[in-house]
């Protein structure tokens, strides 16, 4: 359907922009992730005003960058603890 709308806009020389809808869809997926990982209800405004970073320091990545979550000595990674960790994912 999006392609149909885009092609129609091109043919009719009309503006077409899905940026706002895409940004809102991304925000809603972040709300779901945060709700599932923390066991909390996450409202739209809560997510907009949250200071939580899903990938801290991602702008500083380079070869050898270890990532925001490190594996434990046994090679396994921490998992979310819904209801226990209520403000953060891990």
N, C-alpha and C. Protein backbone atom coordinates (compact mmCIF):
# COMPACT_ATOMS: atom_id res chain seq x y z
N UNK A 1 0.83 -1.19 0.00
CA UNK A 1 0.00 0.00 0.00
C UNK A 1 0.88 1.27 0.00
N UNK A 2 2.00 1.21 0.74
CA UNK A 2 2.87 2.40 0.78
C UNK A 2 3.43 2.70 -0.61
N UNK A 3 3.81 1.65 -1.33
CA UNK A 3 4.34 1.87 -2.68
C UNK A 3 3.27 2.47 -3.59
N UNK A 4 2.04 2.01 -3.45
CA UNK A 4 0.95 2.57 -4.24
C UNK A 4 0.79 4.06 -3.95
N UNK A 5 0.83 4.41 -2.65
CA UNK A 5 0.71 5.82 -2.26
C UNK A 5 1.88 6.63 -2.78
N UNK A 6 3.07 6.09 -2.68
CA UNK A 6 4.26 6.79 -3.17
C UNK A 6 4.19 7.02 -4.67
N UNK A 7 3.87 5.98 -5.42
CA UNK A 7 3.80 6.10 -6.88
C UNK A 7 2.71 7.09 -7.28
N UNK A 8 1.57 7.03 -6.59
CA UNK A 8 0.49 7.97 -6.89
C UNK A 8 0.93 9.41 -6.63
N UNK A 9 1.62 9.64 -5.52
CA UNK A 9 2.11 10.98 -5.20
C UNK A 9 3.09 11.47 -6.26
N UNK A 10 3.96 10.58 -6.73
CA UNK A 10 4.92 10.96 -7.77
C UNK A 10 4.18 11.33 -9.06
N UNK A 11 3.23 10.49 -9.44
CA UNK A 11 2.50 10.74 -10.69
C UNK A 11 1.68 12.03 -10.63
N UNK A 12 1.17 12.34 -9.42
CA UNK A 12 0.32 13.53 -9.28
C UNK A 12 1.11 14.74 -8.77
N UNK A 13 2.44 14.57 -8.66
CA UNK A 13 3.32 15.64 -8.20
C UNK A 13 2.85 16.20 -6.85
N UNK A 14 2.52 15.30 -5.94
CA UNK A 14 2.08 15.69 -4.60
C UNK A 14 3.16 15.30 -3.59
N UNK A 15 3.25 16.02 -2.48
CA UNK A 15 4.23 15.65 -1.45
C UNK A 15 3.86 14.32 -0.80
N UNK A 16 4.87 13.58 -0.43
CA UNK A 16 4.65 12.28 0.24
C UNK A 16 5.78 12.09 1.23
N UNK A 17 5.44 11.91 2.49
CA UNK A 17 6.47 11.78 3.51
C UNK A 17 5.97 10.85 4.61
N UNK A 18 6.67 9.77 4.82
CA UNK A 18 6.31 8.79 5.85
C UNK A 18 7.18 8.91 7.09
N UNK A 19 7.98 9.98 7.20
CA UNK A 19 8.93 10.12 8.31
C UNK A 19 8.23 10.13 9.67
N UNK A 20 7.16 10.92 9.81
CA UNK A 20 6.47 11.00 11.11
C UNK A 20 5.89 9.64 11.50
N UNK A 21 5.23 8.98 10.56
CA UNK A 21 4.64 7.67 10.86
C UNK A 21 5.72 6.66 11.22
N UNK A 22 6.84 6.72 10.51
CA UNK A 22 7.95 5.81 10.81
C UNK A 22 8.55 6.06 12.18
N UNK A 23 8.69 7.33 12.54
CA UNK A 23 9.24 7.67 13.85
C UNK A 23 8.31 7.21 14.97
N UNK A 24 7.01 7.40 14.79
CA UNK A 24 6.04 6.96 15.79
C UNK A 24 6.05 5.44 15.90
N UNK A 25 6.13 4.74 14.79
CA UNK A 25 6.18 3.27 14.82
C UNK A 25 7.41 2.79 15.57
N UNK A 26 8.54 3.46 15.37
CA UNK A 26 9.77 3.10 16.08
C UNK A 26 9.63 3.35 17.58
N UNK A 27 9.02 4.47 17.94
CA UNK A 27 8.79 4.79 19.35
C UNK A 27 7.91 3.73 20.01
N UNK A 28 6.88 3.30 19.31
CA UNK A 28 5.97 2.30 19.86
C UNK A 28 6.68 0.96 20.07
N UNK A 29 7.57 0.58 19.16
CA UNK A 29 8.32 -0.66 19.37
C UNK A 29 9.24 -0.54 20.58
N UNK A 30 9.81 0.65 20.79
CA UNK A 30 10.64 0.87 21.98
C UNK A 30 9.80 0.77 23.25
N UNK A 31 8.58 1.26 23.19
CA UNK A 31 7.67 1.15 24.34
C UNK A 31 7.43 -0.32 24.68
N UNK A 32 7.19 -1.12 23.66
CA UNK A 32 6.94 -2.54 23.88
C UNK A 32 8.15 -3.24 24.46
N UNK A 33 9.32 -2.91 23.93
CA UNK A 33 10.55 -3.52 24.46
C UNK A 33 10.76 -3.15 25.92
N UNK A 34 10.59 -1.86 26.24
CA UNK A 34 10.79 -1.42 27.62
C UNK A 34 9.75 -2.06 28.55
N UNK A 35 8.52 -2.14 28.11
CA UNK A 35 7.47 -2.75 28.92
C UNK A 35 7.77 -4.24 29.18
N UNK A 36 8.18 -4.94 28.14
CA UNK A 36 8.49 -6.37 28.28
C UNK A 36 9.71 -6.60 29.17
N UNK A 37 10.71 -5.75 29.06
CA UNK A 37 11.95 -5.94 29.82
C UNK A 37 11.85 -5.49 31.27
N UNK A 38 10.94 -4.55 31.56
CA UNK A 38 10.86 -4.05 32.93
C UNK A 38 9.61 -4.51 33.67
N UNK A 39 8.62 -5.03 32.94
CA UNK A 39 7.38 -5.44 33.58
C UNK A 39 6.51 -4.26 33.97
N UNK A 40 6.79 -3.09 33.42
CA UNK A 40 6.05 -1.87 33.76
C UNK A 40 5.19 -1.44 32.57
N UNK A 41 4.13 -0.70 32.88
CA UNK A 41 3.34 -0.07 31.83
C UNK A 41 4.14 1.14 31.35
N UNK A 42 4.34 1.25 30.06
CA UNK A 42 5.09 2.37 29.49
C UNK A 42 4.17 3.16 28.57
N UNK A 43 3.87 4.38 28.96
CA UNK A 43 3.00 5.24 28.17
C UNK A 43 3.83 5.97 27.11
N UNK A 44 3.13 6.46 26.10
CA UNK A 44 3.76 7.19 25.00
C UNK A 44 4.61 8.34 25.53
N UNK A 45 4.06 9.15 26.40
CA UNK A 45 4.78 10.30 26.96
C UNK A 45 5.97 9.84 27.81
N UNK A 46 5.81 8.71 28.51
CA UNK A 46 6.93 8.18 29.31
C UNK A 46 8.12 7.89 28.42
N UNK A 47 7.85 7.28 27.28
CA UNK A 47 8.94 6.90 26.37
C UNK A 47 9.56 8.14 25.75
N UNK A 48 8.73 9.11 25.38
CA UNK A 48 9.26 10.35 24.80
C UNK A 48 10.18 11.08 25.77
N UNK A 49 9.87 11.01 27.06
CA UNK A 49 10.64 11.74 28.07
C UNK A 49 11.67 10.88 28.80
N UNK A 50 11.84 9.65 28.37
CA UNK A 50 12.78 8.73 29.03
C UNK A 50 14.23 9.10 28.71
N UNK A 51 15.11 8.91 29.69
CA UNK A 51 16.53 9.12 29.43
C UNK A 51 17.27 7.80 29.24
N UNK A 52 16.53 6.69 29.18
CA UNK A 52 17.12 5.37 28.98
C UNK A 52 17.70 5.26 27.57
N UNK A 53 18.90 4.70 27.47
CA UNK A 53 19.52 4.45 26.18
C UNK A 53 19.54 2.94 25.94
N UNK A 54 18.93 2.49 24.87
CA UNK A 54 18.93 1.06 24.55
C UNK A 54 20.30 0.59 24.10
N UNK A 55 21.10 1.47 23.54
CA UNK A 55 22.44 1.12 23.10
C UNK A 55 23.41 2.24 23.50
N UNK A 56 23.77 2.30 24.77
CA UNK A 56 24.65 3.39 25.21
C UNK A 56 25.99 3.36 24.47
N UNK A 57 26.46 4.54 24.14
CA UNK A 57 27.76 4.74 23.47
C UNK A 57 27.85 4.11 22.09
N UNK A 58 26.72 3.83 21.46
CA UNK A 58 26.75 3.24 20.13
C UNK A 58 27.46 4.17 19.13
N UNK A 59 27.43 5.47 19.41
CA UNK A 59 28.10 6.42 18.53
C UNK A 59 29.62 6.36 18.64
N UNK A 60 30.12 5.60 19.60
CA UNK A 60 31.56 5.49 19.81
C UNK A 60 32.11 4.13 19.38
N UNK A 61 31.32 3.38 18.63
CA UNK A 61 31.76 2.04 18.23
C UNK A 61 32.98 2.09 17.32
N UNK A 62 33.79 1.05 17.39
CA UNK A 62 34.99 0.91 16.58
C UNK A 62 35.40 -0.55 16.61
N UNK A 63 36.40 -0.92 15.84
CA UNK A 63 36.89 -2.30 15.88
C UNK A 63 37.31 -2.61 17.31
N UNK A 64 36.85 -3.71 17.83
CA UNK A 64 37.19 -4.09 19.19
C UNK A 64 36.22 -3.57 20.24
N UNK A 65 35.22 -2.79 19.84
CA UNK A 65 34.22 -2.27 20.77
C UNK A 65 33.47 -3.45 21.38
N UNK A 66 33.37 -3.49 22.69
CA UNK A 66 32.77 -4.65 23.36
C UNK A 66 31.25 -4.63 23.38
N UNK A 67 30.63 -3.49 23.18
CA UNK A 67 29.17 -3.41 23.18
C UNK A 67 28.64 -2.98 24.53
N UNK A 68 27.36 -2.62 24.58
CA UNK A 68 26.79 -2.08 25.81
C UNK A 68 26.52 -3.14 26.89
N UNK A 69 26.41 -4.40 26.51
CA UNK A 69 26.16 -5.47 27.47
C UNK A 69 27.25 -6.53 27.29
N UNK A 70 27.96 -6.83 28.36
CA UNK A 70 29.04 -7.81 28.28
C UNK A 70 28.58 -9.19 28.73
N UNK A 71 29.17 -10.20 28.15
CA UNK A 71 28.87 -11.58 28.55
C UNK A 71 29.51 -11.86 29.90
N UNK A 72 28.87 -12.74 30.64
CA UNK A 72 29.43 -13.19 31.91
C UNK A 72 30.59 -14.14 31.62
N UNK A 73 31.39 -14.50 32.61
CA UNK A 73 32.52 -15.41 32.38
C UNK A 73 32.12 -16.75 31.74
N UNK A 74 30.87 -17.18 31.95
CA UNK A 74 30.42 -18.46 31.36
C UNK A 74 29.99 -18.29 29.90
N UNK A 75 30.11 -17.04 29.36
CA UNK A 75 29.77 -16.80 27.96
C UNK A 75 28.32 -16.43 27.73
N UNK A 76 27.50 -16.47 28.77
CA UNK A 76 26.09 -16.11 28.62
C UNK A 76 25.91 -14.63 28.93
N UNK A 77 24.87 -14.06 28.34
CA UNK A 77 24.57 -12.65 28.53
C UNK A 77 23.44 -12.48 29.54
N UNK A 78 23.42 -11.35 30.23
CA UNK A 78 22.31 -11.10 31.16
C UNK A 78 20.99 -11.02 30.39
N UNK A 79 19.94 -11.39 31.05
CA UNK A 79 18.60 -11.32 30.46
C UNK A 79 17.77 -10.32 31.25
N UNK A 80 16.74 -9.76 30.62
CA UNK A 80 15.87 -8.84 31.35
C UNK A 80 15.22 -9.54 32.54
N UNK A 81 14.93 -8.76 33.56
CA UNK A 81 14.27 -9.27 34.76
C UNK A 81 13.01 -8.44 35.02
N UNK A 82 11.95 -8.70 34.25
CA UNK A 82 10.73 -7.91 34.40
C UNK A 82 10.21 -7.93 35.83
N UNK A 83 9.86 -6.77 36.34
CA UNK A 83 9.34 -6.66 37.69
C UNK A 83 10.42 -6.53 38.74
N UNK A 84 11.65 -6.93 38.42
CA UNK A 84 12.77 -6.80 39.36
C UNK A 84 13.57 -5.54 39.02
N UNK A 85 14.00 -5.44 37.78
CA UNK A 85 14.65 -4.23 37.30
C UNK A 85 13.58 -3.43 36.56
N UNK A 86 13.08 -2.41 37.21
CA UNK A 86 11.92 -1.69 36.70
C UNK A 86 12.26 -0.43 35.91
N UNK A 87 13.49 0.05 36.03
CA UNK A 87 13.86 1.28 35.36
C UNK A 87 14.77 1.06 34.17
N UNK A 88 15.47 -0.06 34.13
CA UNK A 88 16.44 -0.36 33.08
C UNK A 88 16.17 -1.75 32.52
N UNK A 89 16.76 -2.02 31.39
CA UNK A 89 16.62 -3.35 30.78
C UNK A 89 17.43 -4.39 31.52
N UNK A 90 18.70 -4.07 31.77
CA UNK A 90 19.62 -5.05 32.35
C UNK A 90 20.24 -4.51 33.60
